Protein backbone atom coordinates (compact mmCIF):
# COMPACT_ATOMS: atom_id res chain seq x y z
CA UNK A 1 17.66 28.18 -44.71
CA UNK A 2 14.97 25.73 -43.63
CA UNK A 3 17.57 23.40 -42.13
CA UNK A 4 19.17 26.25 -40.20
CA UNK A 5 15.83 27.33 -38.73
CA UNK A 6 15.12 23.80 -37.56
CA UNK A 7 18.53 23.22 -36.01
CA UNK A 8 19.27 26.06 -33.58
CA UNK A 9 22.52 24.42 -32.49
CA UNK A 10 24.02 24.57 -35.98
CA UNK A 11 26.68 27.23 -36.45
CA UNK A 12 27.16 29.06 -39.72
CA UNK A 13 30.49 30.69 -40.51
CA UNK A 14 30.28 34.02 -42.28
CA UNK A 15 33.11 35.31 -44.47
CA UNK A 16 35.50 37.52 -42.49
CA UNK A 17 34.75 40.46 -44.81
CA UNK A 18 31.17 40.60 -43.50
CA UNK A 19 32.39 41.40 -39.99
CA UNK A 20 34.35 44.40 -41.27
CA UNK A 21 31.31 46.16 -42.76
CA UNK A 22 30.50 49.45 -41.07
CA UNK A 23 27.59 50.45 -43.31
CA UNK A 24 24.96 48.94 -45.57
CA UNK A 25 26.98 50.13 -48.57
CA UNK A 26 30.04 48.26 -47.26
CA UNK A 27 27.91 45.12 -46.88
CA UNK A 28 26.52 45.42 -50.41
CA UNK A 29 30.00 45.89 -51.89
CA UNK A 30 31.30 42.98 -49.81
CA UNK A 31 28.64 40.63 -51.19
CA UNK A 32 28.43 42.16 -54.68
CA UNK A 33 32.03 43.23 -55.27
CA UNK A 34 32.63 46.02 -57.79
CA UNK A 35 28.89 46.65 -58.17
CA UNK A 36 29.67 50.34 -58.58
CA UNK A 37 32.27 49.77 -61.32
CA UNK A 38 31.47 49.20 -64.97
CA UNK A 39 32.92 45.81 -65.97
CA UNK A 40 31.96 42.47 -67.49
CA UNK A 41 30.42 40.02 -65.04
CA UNK A 42 29.45 36.36 -65.11
CA UNK A 43 25.82 35.66 -65.94
CA UNK A 44 25.10 34.54 -62.36
CA UNK A 45 26.85 37.47 -60.65
CA UNK A 46 23.69 38.78 -58.98
CA UNK A 47 21.68 35.57 -58.69
CA UNK A 48 24.43 33.57 -56.95
CA UNK A 49 24.66 36.00 -54.04
CA UNK A 50 22.11 36.95 -51.39
CA UNK A 51 21.72 39.40 -48.55
CA UNK A 52 19.05 38.14 -46.16
CA UNK A 53 16.95 40.29 -43.88
CA UNK A 54 14.03 39.50 -41.62
CA UNK A 55 12.13 42.72 -42.40
CA UNK A 56 10.71 43.72 -45.79
CA UNK A 57 11.42 47.39 -45.03
CA UNK A 58 15.11 46.56 -44.67
CA UNK A 59 15.07 44.52 -47.89
CA UNK A 60 13.56 47.46 -49.74
CA UNK A 61 16.16 49.84 -48.35
CA UNK A 62 19.06 47.51 -49.22
CA UNK A 63 17.68 47.04 -52.75
CA UNK A 64 17.39 50.81 -53.22
CA UNK A 65 20.95 51.34 -51.99
CA UNK A 66 22.27 48.60 -54.30
CA UNK A 67 20.38 49.94 -57.33
CA UNK A 68 21.76 53.42 -56.68
CA UNK A 69 25.31 52.02 -56.90
CA UNK A 70 24.90 50.98 -60.54
CA UNK A 71 26.51 53.39 -62.99
CA UNK A 72 24.50 55.13 -65.68
CA UNK A 73 20.90 56.12 -66.06
CA UNK A 74 18.11 53.71 -65.10
CA UNK A 75 16.16 52.08 -67.92
CA UNK A 76 12.52 51.20 -67.28
CA UNK A 77 10.71 48.89 -69.73
């Protein structure tokens, strides 16, 4: 990210599925496929993917939407 911010002429290609998202939920499911389905996932499933936002309010909202997609009851330790 640092290199991108320091080189405004650099172009980054986004996956074509990102451009087809019409809602935040579509974006979340595009980045974190099958988040709302119970299945086995690789250990790095969540940590190897990122949705970036410039505003903390948006980050909080996206996190809430993503957490609400998980199946089952929440467990708080």
